[in-house]
Amino acid sequence: MDIMQFIPENLIMLIGGLYILGTFIKESNIKNKYIPFILLVIAMISSCLFMKELSIEAVFEGILCWGTSIGINQIQVQNRKDK
């Protein structure tokens, strides 16, 4: 199953944006446990704005972008731990 068939091309940049935003938030005074929730809300709102509609589909696509971004981050964290 290819996750990219569920994420429209115009939302691919949202994945990178969430990843970068997450690294900036991590360097702030916000506790680590709140970062995923903050990014989730931003992802859902941004997805609706990019898709120019407020729908379940746009929210779900935002959640997929969020999950992909978090997954990429966790892969990098685990790779750093293995070294």
PDB file of N, CA and C in Angstrom:
ATOM      1  N   MET A   1       0.851  -1.178   0.000  1.00  0.00           N
ATOM      2  CA  MET A   1       0.000   0.000   0.000  1.00  0.00           C
ATOM      3  C   MET A   1       0.895   1.238   0.000  1.00  0.00           C
ATOM      4  N   ASP A   2       0.625   2.128  -0.903  1.00  0.00           N
ATOM      5  CA  ASP A   2       1.410   3.351  -1.054  1.00  0.00           C
ATOM      6  C   ASP A   2       0.645   4.508  -0.421  1.00  0.00           C
ATOM      7  N   ILE A   3       1.205   5.080   0.645  1.00  0.00           N
ATOM      8  CA  ILE A   3       0.517   6.172   1.355  1.00  0.00           C
ATOM      9  C   ILE A   3       0.359   7.403   0.473  1.00  0.00           C
ATOM     10  N   MET A   4       1.250   7.559  -0.510  1.00  0.00           N
ATOM     11  CA  MET A   4       1.211   8.754  -1.349  1.00  0.00           C
ATOM     12  C   MET A   4      -0.015   8.773  -2.268  1.00  0.00           C
ATOM     13  N   GLN A   5      -0.694   7.662  -2.440  1.00  0.00           N
ATOM     14  CA  GLN A   5      -1.925   7.688  -3.227  1.00  0.00           C
ATOM     15  C   GLN A   5      -3.065   8.349  -2.453  1.00  0.00           C
ATOM     16  N   PHE A   6      -2.896   8.505  -1.153  1.00  0.00           N
ATOM     17  CA  PHE A   6      -3.918   9.140  -0.329  1.00  0.00           C
ATOM     18  C   PHE A   6      -3.633  10.612  -0.039  1.00  0.00           C
ATOM     19  N   ILE A   7      -2.408  11.055  -0.322  1.00  0.00           N
ATOM     20  CA  ILE A   7      -2.021  12.445  -0.064  1.00  0.00           C
ATOM     21  C   ILE A   7      -1.889  13.173  -1.397  1.00  0.00           C
ATOM     22  N   PRO A   8      -2.684  14.208  -1.632  1.00  0.00           N
ATOM     23  CA  PRO A   8      -2.572  14.968  -2.888  1.00  0.00           C
ATOM     24  C   PRO A   8      -1.200  15.633  -3.019  1.00  0.00           C
ATOM     25  N   GLU A   9      -0.803  15.862  -4.267  1.00  0.00           N
ATOM     26  CA  GLU A   9       0.517  16.440  -4.532  1.00  0.00           C
ATOM     27  C   GLU A   9       0.705  17.801  -3.869  1.00  0.00           C
ATOM     28  N   ASN A  10      -0.357  18.589  -3.787  1.00  0.00           N
ATOM     29  CA  ASN A  10      -0.201  19.923  -3.197  1.00  0.00           C
ATOM     30  C   ASN A  10      -0.031  19.879  -1.679  1.00  0.00           C
ATOM     31  N   LEU A  11      -0.187  18.719  -1.072  1.00  0.00           N
ATOM     32  CA  LEU A  11       0.022  18.607   0.377  1.00  0.00           C
ATOM     33  C   LEU A  11       1.374  18.003   0.738  1.00  0.00           C
ATOM     34  N   ILE A  12       2.154  17.605  -0.260  1.00  0.00           N
ATOM     35  CA  ILE A  12       3.455  17.005   0.028  1.00  0.00           C
ATOM     36  C   ILE A  12       4.361  18.011   0.725  1.00  0.00           C
ATOM     37  N   MET A  13       4.261  19.273   0.326  1.00  0.00           N
ATOM     38  CA  MET A  13       5.094  20.286   0.988  1.00  0.00           C
ATOM     39  C   MET A  13       4.675  20.490   2.443  1.00  0.00           C
ATOM     40  N   LEU A  14       3.443  20.130   2.788  1.00  0.00           N
ATOM     41  CA  LEU A  14       2.993  20.230   4.175  1.00  0.00           C
ATOM     42  C   LEU A  14       3.776  19.268   5.068  1.00  0.00           C
ATOM     43  N   ILE A  15       4.134  18.113   4.538  1.00  0.00           N
ATOM     44  CA  ILE A  15       4.908  17.136   5.308  1.00  0.00           C
ATOM     45  C   ILE A  15       6.250  17.736   5.712  1.00  0.00           C
ATOM     46  N   GLY A  16       6.943  18.317   4.741  1.00  0.00           N
ATOM     47  CA  GLY A  16       8.226  18.956   5.039  1.00  0.00           C
ATOM     48  C   GLY A  16       8.075  20.136   5.976  1.00  0.00           C
ATOM     49  N   GLY A  17       7.022  20.912   5.764  1.00  0.00           N
ATOM     50  CA  GLY A  17       6.776  22.065   6.629  1.00  0.00           C
ATOM     51  C   GLY A  17       6.516  21.654   8.068  1.00  0.00           C
ATOM     52  N   LEU A  18       5.757  20.587   8.251  1.00  0.00           N
ATOM     53  CA  LEU A  18       5.490  20.097   9.608  1.00  0.00           C
ATOM     54  C   LEU A  18       6.764  19.595  10.269  1.00  0.00           C
ATOM     55  N   TYR A  19       7.599  18.926   9.482  1.00  0.00           N
ATOM     56  CA  TYR A  19       8.862  18.423  10.030  1.00  0.00           C
ATOM     57  C   TYR A  19       9.739  19.581  10.501  1.00  0.00           C
ATOM     58  N   ILE A  20       9.880  20.589   9.659  1.00  0.00           N
ATOM     59  CA  ILE A  20      10.702  21.756  10.009  1.00  0.00           C
ATOM     60  C   ILE A  20      10.109  22.495  11.204  1.00  0.00           C
ATOM     61  N   LEU A  21       8.790  22.677  11.192  1.00  0.00           N
ATOM     62  CA  LEU A  21       8.125  23.347  12.308  1.00  0.00           C
ATOM     63  C   LEU A  21       8.325  22.571  13.612  1.00  0.00           C
ATOM     64  N   GLY A  22       8.271  21.255  13.520  1.00  0.00           N
ATOM     65  CA  GLY A  22       8.490  20.425  14.701  1.00  0.00           C
ATOM     66  C   GLY A  22       9.879  20.595  15.286  1.00  0.00           C
ATOM     67  N   THR A  23      10.887  20.728  14.425  1.00  0.00           N
ATOM     68  CA  THR A  23      12.247  20.935  14.936  1.00  0.00           C
ATOM     69  C   THR A  23      12.381  22.296  15.610  1.00  0.00           C
ATOM     70  N   PHE A  24      11.706  23.313  15.064  1.00  0.00           N
ATOM     71  CA  PHE A  24      11.736  24.629  15.712  1.00  0.00           C
ATOM     72  C   PHE A  24      11.004  24.606  17.053  1.00  0.00           C
ATOM     73  N   ILE A  25       9.862  23.927  17.093  1.00  0.00           N
ATOM     74  CA  ILE A  25       9.106  23.848  18.345  1.00  0.00           C
ATOM     75  C   ILE A  25       9.909  23.086  19.400  1.00  0.00           C
ATOM     76  N   LYS A  26      10.632  22.046  18.979  1.00  0.00           N
ATOM     77  CA  LYS A  26      11.424  21.254  19.922  1.00  0.00           C
ATOM     78  C   LYS A  26      12.485  22.105  20.611  1.00  0.00           C
ATOM     79  N   GLU A  27      13.009  23.096  19.907  1.00  0.00           N
ATOM     80  CA  GLU A  27      14.034  23.966  20.489  1.00  0.00           C
ATOM     81  C   GLU A  27      13.444  25.049  21.391  1.00  0.00           C
ATOM     82  N   SER A  28      12.119  25.174  21.419  1.00  0.00           N
ATOM     83  CA  SER A  28      11.478  26.186  22.261  1.00  0.00           C
ATOM     84  C   SER A  28      11.249  25.624  23.665  1.00  0.00           C
ATOM     85  N   ASN A  29      10.513  26.364  24.462  1.00  0.00           N
ATOM     86  CA  ASN A  29      10.243  25.948  25.843  1.00  0.00           C
ATOM     87  C   ASN A  29       9.050  25.004  25.966  1.00  0.00           C
ATOM     88  N   ILE A  30       8.461  24.611  24.866  1.00  0.00           N
ATOM     89  CA  ILE A  30       7.293  23.724  24.892  1.00  0.00           C
ATOM     90  C   ILE A  30       7.753  22.300  25.205  1.00  0.00           C
ATOM     91  N   LYS A  31       7.026  21.626  26.090  1.00  0.00           N
ATOM     92  CA  LYS A  31       7.371  20.258  26.469  1.00  0.00           C
ATOM     93  C   LYS A  31       7.202  19.321  25.273  1.00  0.00           C
ATOM     94  N   ASN A  32       8.080  18.319  25.202  1.00  0.00           N
ATOM     95  CA  ASN A  32       8.075  17.373  24.084  1.00  0.00           C
ATOM     96  C   ASN A  32       6.747  16.644  23.922  1.00  0.00           C
ATOM     97  N   LYS A  33       6.060  16.379  25.034  1.00  0.00           N
ATOM     98  CA  LYS A  33       4.818  15.617  24.942  1.00  0.00           C
ATOM     99  C   LYS A  33       3.707  16.382  24.229  1.00  0.00           C
ATOM    100  N   TYR A  34       3.818  17.709  24.139  1.00  0.00           N
ATOM    101  CA  TYR A  34       2.789  18.512  23.479  1.00  0.00           C
ATOM    102  C   TYR A  34       3.064  18.740  21.990  1.00  0.00           C
ATOM    103  N   ILE A  35       4.282  18.496  21.553  1.00  0.00           N
ATOM    104  CA  ILE A  35       4.653  18.792  20.164  1.00  0.00           C
ATOM    105  C   ILE A  35       3.794  18.024  19.157  1.00  0.00           C
ATOM    106  N   PRO A  36       3.578  16.709  19.310  1.00  0.00           N
ATOM    107  CA  PRO A  36       2.741  16.009  18.326  1.00  0.00           C
ATOM    108  C   PRO A  36       1.316  16.561  18.239  1.00  0.00           C
ATOM    109  N   PHE A  37       0.749  16.951  19.362  1.00  0.00           N
ATOM    110  CA  PHE A  37      -0.613  17.479  19.350  1.00  0.00           C
ATOM    111  C   PHE A  37      -0.682  18.848  18.678  1.00  0.00           C
ATOM    112  N   ILE A  38       0.325  19.673  18.927  1.00  0.00           N
ATOM    113  CA  ILE A  38       0.388  20.981  18.273  1.00  0.00           C
ATOM    114  C   ILE A  38       0.507  20.798  16.765  1.00  0.00           C
ATOM    115  N   LEU A  39       1.395  19.890  16.357  1.00  0.00           N
ATOM    116  CA  LEU A  39       1.580  19.643  14.927  1.00  0.00           C
ATOM    117  C   LEU A  39       0.329  19.038  14.293  1.00  0.00           C
ATOM    118  N   LEU A  40      -0.397  18.205  15.040  1.00  0.00           N
ATOM    119  CA  LEU A  40      -1.626  17.613  14.514  1.00  0.00           C
ATOM    120  C   LEU A  40      -2.662  18.682  14.200  1.00  0.00           C
ATOM    121  N   VAL A  41      -2.853  19.605  15.118  1.00  0.00           N
ATOM    122  CA  VAL A  41      -3.819  20.690  14.898  1.00  0.00           C
ATOM    123  C   VAL A  41      -3.391  21.548  13.713  1.00  0.00           C
ATOM    124  N   ILE A  42      -2.108  21.879  13.655  1.00  0.00           N
ATOM    125  CA  ILE A  42      -1.601  22.682  12.537  1.00  0.00           C
ATOM    126  C   ILE A  42      -1.781  21.937  11.221  1.00  0.00           C
ATOM    127  N   ALA A  43      -1.532  20.632  11.220  1.00  0.00           N
ATOM    128  CA  ALA A  43      -1.672  19.832   9.999  1.00  0.00           C
ATOM    129  C   ALA A  43      -3.114  19.806   9.507  1.00  0.00           C
ATOM    130  N   MET A  44      -4.055  19.610  10.416  1.00  0.00           N
ATOM    131  CA  MET A  44      -5.463  19.552  10.004  1.00  0.00           C
ATOM    132  C   MET A  44      -5.939  20.898   9.470  1.00  0.00           C
ATOM    133  N   ILE A  45      -5.576  21.976  10.142  1.00  0.00           N
ATOM    134  CA  ILE A  45      -5.983  23.311   9.689  1.00  0.00           C
ATOM    135  C   ILE A  45      -5.316  23.648   8.361  1.00  0.00           C
ATOM    136  N   SER A  46      -4.013  23.372   8.255  1.00  0.00           N
ATOM    137  CA  SER A  46      -3.286  23.678   7.020  1.00  0.00           C
ATOM    138  C   SER A  46      -3.822  22.877   5.844  1.00  0.00           C
ATOM    139  N   SER A  47      -4.152  21.630   6.083  1.00  0.00           N
ATOM    140  CA  SER A  47      -4.698  20.799   5.015  1.00  0.00           C
ATOM    141  C   SER A  47      -6.014  21.364   4.496  1.00  0.00           C
ATOM    142  N   CYS A  48      -6.868  21.790   5.400  1.00  0.00           N
ATOM    143  CA  CYS A  48      -8.140  22.399   4.979  1.00  0.00           C
ATOM    144  C   CYS A  48      -7.896  23.684   4.193  1.00  0.00           C
ATOM    145  N   LEU A  49      -6.901  24.460   4.605  1.00  0.00           N
ATOM    146  CA  LEU A  49      -6.589  25.699   3.885  1.00  0.00           C
ATOM    147  C   LEU A  49      -6.014  25.403   2.504  1.00  0.00           C
ATOM    148  N   PHE A  50      -5.098  24.430   2.416  1.00  0.00           N
ATOM    149  CA  PHE A  50      -4.520  24.075   1.120  1.00  0.00           C
ATOM    150  C   PHE A  50      -5.562  23.493   0.178  1.00  0.00           C
ATOM    151  N   MET A  51      -6.465  22.683   0.712  1.00  0.00           N
ATOM    152  CA  MET A  51      -7.497  22.049  -0.118  1.00  0.00           C
ATOM    153  C   MET A  51      -8.668  22.999  -0.390  1.00  0.00           C
ATOM    154  N   LYS A  52      -8.683  24.135   0.299  1.00  0.00           N
ATOM    155  CA  LYS A  52      -9.721  25.158   0.150  1.00  0.00           C
ATOM    156  C   LYS A  52     -11.117  24.611   0.433  1.00  0.00           C
ATOM    157  N   GLU A  53     -11.186  23.734   1.428  1.00  0.00           N
ATOM    158  CA  GLU A  53     -12.477  23.198   1.847  1.00  0.00           C
ATOM    159  C   GLU A  53     -12.354  22.643   3.264  1.00  0.00           C
ATOM    160  N   LEU A  54     -13.442  22.702   3.965  1.00  0.00           N
ATOM    161  CA  LEU A  54     -13.510  22.099   5.288  1.00  0.00           C
ATOM    162  C   LEU A  54     -14.318  20.822   5.142  1.00  0.00           C
ATOM    163  N   SER A  55     -13.609  19.716   5.058  1.00  0.00           N
ATOM    164  CA  SER A  55     -14.275  18.431   4.875  1.00  0.00           C
ATOM    165  C   SER A  55     -13.521  17.358   5.655  1.00  0.00           C
ATOM    166  N   ILE A  56     -14.179  16.239   5.838  1.00  0.00           N
ATOM    167  CA  ILE A  56     -13.552  15.108   6.517  1.00  0.00           C
ATOM    168  C   ILE A  56     -12.338  14.639   5.727  1.00  0.00           C
ATOM    169  N   GLU A  57     -12.448  14.657   4.407  1.00  0.00           N
ATOM    170  CA  GLU A  57     -11.341  14.222   3.551  1.00  0.00           C
ATOM    171  C   GLU A  57     -10.110  15.113   3.750  1.00  0.00           C
ATOM    172  N   ALA A  58     -10.307  16.419   3.794  1.00  0.00           N
ATOM    173  CA  ALA A  58      -9.187  17.348   3.990  1.00  0.00           C
ATOM    174  C   ALA A  58      -8.564  17.157   5.369  1.00  0.00           C
ATOM    175  N   VAL A  59      -9.389  16.946   6.380  1.00  0.00           N
ATOM    176  CA  VAL A  59      -8.874  16.711   7.736  1.00  0.00           C
ATOM    177  C   VAL A  59      -8.089  15.400   7.776  1.00  0.00           C
ATOM    178  N   PHE A  60      -8.626  14.356   7.151  1.00  0.00           N
ATOM    179  CA  PHE A  60      -7.951  13.059   7.113  1.00  0.00           C
ATOM    180  C   PHE A  60      -6.611  13.161   6.385  1.00  0.00           C
ATOM    181  N   GLU A  61      -6.564  13.911   5.296  1.00  0.00           N
ATOM    182  CA  GLU A  61      -5.308  14.094   4.569  1.00  0.00           C
ATOM    183  C   GLU A  61      -4.295  14.854   5.426  1.00  0.00           C
ATOM    184  N   GLY A  62      -4.770  15.799   6.231  1.00  0.00           N
ATOM    185  CA  GLY A  62      -3.890  16.490   7.166  1.00  0.00           C
ATOM    186  C   GLY A  62      -3.318  15.542   8.202  1.00  0.00           C
ATOM    187  N   ILE A  63      -4.155  14.623   8.677  1.00  0.00           N
ATOM    188  CA  ILE A  63      -3.691  13.625   9.645  1.00  0.00           C
ATOM    189  C   ILE A  63      -2.645  12.714   9.010  1.00  0.00           C
ATOM    190  N   LEU A  64      -2.840  12.342   7.747  1.00  0.00           N
ATOM    191  CA  LEU A  64      -1.850  11.521   7.046  1.00  0.00           C
ATOM    192  C   LEU A  64      -0.520  12.265   6.890  1.00  0.00           C
ATOM    193  N   CYS A  65      -0.594  13.545   6.560  1.00  0.00           N
ATOM    194  CA  CYS A  65       0.630  14.358   6.449  1.00  0.00           C
ATOM    195  C   CYS A  65       1.337  14.437   7.795  1.00  0.00           C
ATOM    196  N   TRP A  66       0.568  14.634   8.856  1.00  0.00           N
ATOM    197  CA  TRP A  66       1.118  14.688  10.207  1.00  0.00           C
ATOM    198  C   TRP A  66       1.810  13.369  10.553  1.00  0.00           C
ATOM    199  N   GLY A  67       1.132  12.268  10.299  1.00  0.00           N
ATOM    200  CA  GLY A  67       1.700  10.957  10.612  1.00  0.00           C
ATOM    201  C   GLY A  67       2.966  10.672   9.826  1.00  0.00           C
ATOM    202  N   THR A  68       2.982  11.074   8.569  1.00  0.00           N
ATOM    203  CA  THR A  68       4.175  10.887   7.747  1.00  0.00           C
ATOM    204  C   THR A  68       5.327  11.720   8.286  1.00  0.00           C
ATOM    205  N   SER A  69       5.044  12.950   8.652  1.00  0.00           N
ATOM    206  CA  SER A  69       6.077  13.834   9.195  1.00  0.00           C
ATOM    207  C   SER A  69       6.629  13.294  10.511  1.00  0.00           C
ATOM    208  N   ILE A  70       5.753  12.851  11.386  1.00  0.00           N
ATOM    209  CA  ILE A  70       6.174  12.282  12.670  1.00  0.00           C
ATOM    210  C   ILE A  70       6.970  10.998  12.438  1.00  0.00           C
ATOM    211  N   GLY A  71       6.533  10.192  11.478  1.00  0.00           N
ATOM    212  CA  GLY A  71       7.244   8.954  11.154  1.00  0.00           C
ATOM    213  C   GLY A  71       8.652   9.211  10.657  1.00  0.00           C
ATOM    214  N   ILE A  72       8.811  10.203   9.782  1.00  0.00           N
ATOM    215  CA  ILE A  72      10.138  10.562   9.281  1.00  0.00           C
ATOM    216  C   ILE A  72      11.032  10.995  10.439  1.00  0.00           C
ATOM    217  N   ASN A  73      10.468  11.796  11.331  1.00  0.00           N
ATOM    218  CA  ASN A  73      11.238  12.253  12.490  1.00  0.00           C
ATOM    219  C   ASN A  73      11.673  11.076  13.350  1.00  0.00           C
ATOM    220  N   GLN A  74      10.780  10.146  13.604  1.00  0.00           N
ATOM    221  CA  GLN A  74      11.103   9.016  14.469  1.00  0.00           C
ATOM    222  C   GLN A  74      12.137   8.091  13.833  1.00  0.00           C
ATOM    223  N   ILE A  75      12.093   7.941  12.521  1.00  0.00           N
ATOM    224  CA  ILE A  75      13.112   7.144  11.832  1.00  0.00           C
ATOM    225  C   ILE A  75      14.483   7.771  12.038  1.00  0.00           C
ATOM    226  N   GLN A  76      14.555   9.094  11.917  1.00  0.00           N
ATOM    227  CA  GLN A  76      15.836   9.776  12.122  1.00  0.00           C
ATOM    228  C   GLN A  76      16.299   9.663  13.573  1.00  0.00           C
ATOM    229  N   VAL A  77      15.388   9.780  14.513  1.00  0.00           N
ATOM    230  CA  VAL A  77      15.747   9.657  15.931  1.00  0.00           C
ATOM    231  C   VAL A  77      16.288   8.256  16.212  1.00  0.00           C
ATOM    232  N   GLN A  78      15.621   7.238  15.709  1.00  0.00           N
ATOM    233  CA  GLN A  78      16.059   5.863  15.941  1.00  0.00           C
ATOM    234  C   GLN A  78      17.397   5.582  15.271  1.00  0.00           C
ATOM    235  N   ASN A  79      17.623   6.143  14.088  1.00  0.00           N
ATOM    236  CA  ASN A  79      18.910   5.951  13.412  1.00  0.00           C
ATOM    237  C   ASN A  79      20.045   6.595  14.192  1.00  0.00           C
ATOM    238  N   ARG A  80      19.785   7.740  14.815  1.00  0.00           N
ATOM    239  CA  ARG A  80      20.812   8.390  15.639  1.00  0.00           C
ATOM    240  C   ARG A  80      21.121   7.559  16.884  1.00  0.00           C
ATOM    241  N   LYS A  81      20.107   6.912  17.457  1.00  0.00           N
ATOM    242  CA  LYS A  81      20.315   6.086  18.653  1.00  0.00           C
ATOM    243  C   LYS A  81      21.143   4.843  18.328  1.00  0.00           C
ATOM    244  N   ASP A  82      20.973   4.300  17.125  1.00  0.00           N
ATOM    245  CA  ASP A  82      21.681   3.081  16.741  1.00  0.00           C
ATOM    246  C   ASP A  82      23.169   3.308  16.510  1.00  0.00           C
ATOM    247  N   LYS A  83      23.571   4.536  16.256  1.00  0.00           N
ATOM    248  CA  LYS A  83      24.988   4.808  15.952  1.00  0.00           C
ATOM    249  C   LYS A  83      25.823   4.854  17.175  1.00  0.00           C
TER     250      LYS A  83
END
